[in-house]
Amino acid sequence: MENETQTPLERAIESAGGLTSLARKLKLSGHAVVYQWTRSRVPAEHCPDIEALTGVRCEDLRPDVNWGALRTVPAPQEG
């Protein structure tokens, strides 16, 4: 059962199987890197990989970033 008071990062950590597991899956130097994010914020460049691994959306991890620009597929240009 999901805890409604969990942050998006905490949900991602749980889904990945813990701090160490998430760090390994992201090919980071260690779990301390992910732990530091719990005290500050997830770097935006890691959000797409976290979403792919855990299903926790980038928009939830970093609502301050305009993820719509990355999700929008440009229309083919005729020329």
Protein backbone atom coordinates (compact mmCIF):
# COMPACT_ATOMS: atom_id res chain seq x y z
CA MET A 1 0.00 0.00 0.00
CA GLU A 2 1.39 3.37 -1.03
CA ASN A 3 1.92 5.90 1.71
CA GLU A 4 0.15 9.13 0.71
CA THR A 5 2.74 11.21 2.58
CA GLN A 6 5.65 9.93 0.50
CA THR A 7 7.42 12.36 -1.78
CA PRO A 8 7.76 11.42 -5.45
CA LEU A 9 11.44 10.61 -4.85
CA GLU A 10 10.55 8.36 -1.91
CA ARG A 11 8.05 6.53 -4.14
CA ALA A 12 10.75 6.10 -6.79
CA ILE A 13 13.25 4.81 -4.22
CA GLU A 14 10.70 2.32 -2.91
CA SER A 15 9.74 1.21 -6.41
CA ALA A 16 13.40 0.66 -7.32
CA GLY A 17 13.99 -1.45 -4.23
CA GLY A 18 15.80 1.08 -2.07
CA LEU A 19 18.46 3.79 -2.22
CA THR A 20 21.29 1.46 -3.21
CA SER A 21 19.23 -0.27 -5.87
CA LEU A 22 18.16 3.02 -7.46
CA ALA A 23 21.76 4.29 -7.41
CA ARG A 24 22.98 1.10 -9.12
CA LYS A 25 20.26 1.23 -11.75
CA LEU A 26 21.17 4.85 -12.49
CA LYS A 27 24.89 3.91 -12.57
CA LEU A 28 25.71 6.40 -9.83
CA SER A 29 28.77 6.21 -7.58
CA GLY A 30 26.74 5.15 -4.54
CA HIS A 31 23.58 5.40 -2.53
CA ALA A 32 24.79 8.60 -0.85
CA VAL A 33 24.11 10.45 -4.11
CA VAL A 34 20.44 9.45 -4.05
CA TYR A 35 20.24 10.11 -0.31
CA GLN A 36 21.48 13.67 -0.91
CA TRP A 37 18.60 14.20 -3.34
CA THR A 38 16.18 13.50 -0.47
CA ARG A 39 17.70 16.53 1.27
CA SER A 40 17.69 18.80 -1.78
CA ARG A 41 16.19 17.80 -5.14
CA VAL A 42 16.72 15.39 -7.99
CA PRO A 43 18.89 16.80 -10.78
CA ALA A 44 16.65 17.21 -13.81
CA GLU A 45 18.95 15.17 -16.04
CA HIS A 46 18.22 12.05 -13.96
CA CYS A 47 14.42 12.40 -14.00
CA PRO A 48 13.78 10.67 -17.36
CA ASP A 49 15.80 7.62 -16.26
CA ILE A 50 14.04 7.52 -12.89
CA GLU A 51 10.68 7.70 -14.65
CA ALA A 52 11.66 4.88 -17.00
CA LEU A 53 12.82 2.70 -14.09
CA THR A 54 10.07 3.41 -11.58
CA GLY A 55 7.11 5.00 -13.32
CA VAL A 56 7.34 8.12 -11.13
CA ARG A 57 6.84 10.95 -13.59
CA CYS A 58 9.38 13.69 -14.20
CA GLU A 59 6.64 16.24 -13.57
CA ASP A 60 6.25 14.90 -10.05
CA LEU A 61 9.98 14.68 -9.33
CA ARG A 62 10.72 18.19 -10.63
CA PRO A 63 7.55 20.25 -11.14
CA ASP A 64 9.71 23.35 -11.75
CA VAL A 65 10.99 21.98 -15.09
CA ASN A 66 9.01 22.34 -18.33
CA TRP A 67 8.82 18.64 -19.23
CA GLY A 68 6.25 19.37 -21.94
CA ALA A 69 9.07 20.52 -24.20
CA LEU A 70 10.62 17.05 -23.99
CA ARG A 71 7.36 15.15 -24.31
CA THR A 72 6.11 17.01 -27.37
CA VAL A 73 7.05 15.33 -30.61
CA PRO A 74 7.61 17.90 -33.34
CA ALA A 75 5.42 17.63 -36.42
CA PRO A 76 7.20 16.46 -39.57
CA GLN A 77 8.14 19.33 -41.82
CA GLU A 78 7.31 19.22 -45.46
CA GLY A 79 9.81 20.62 -47.78
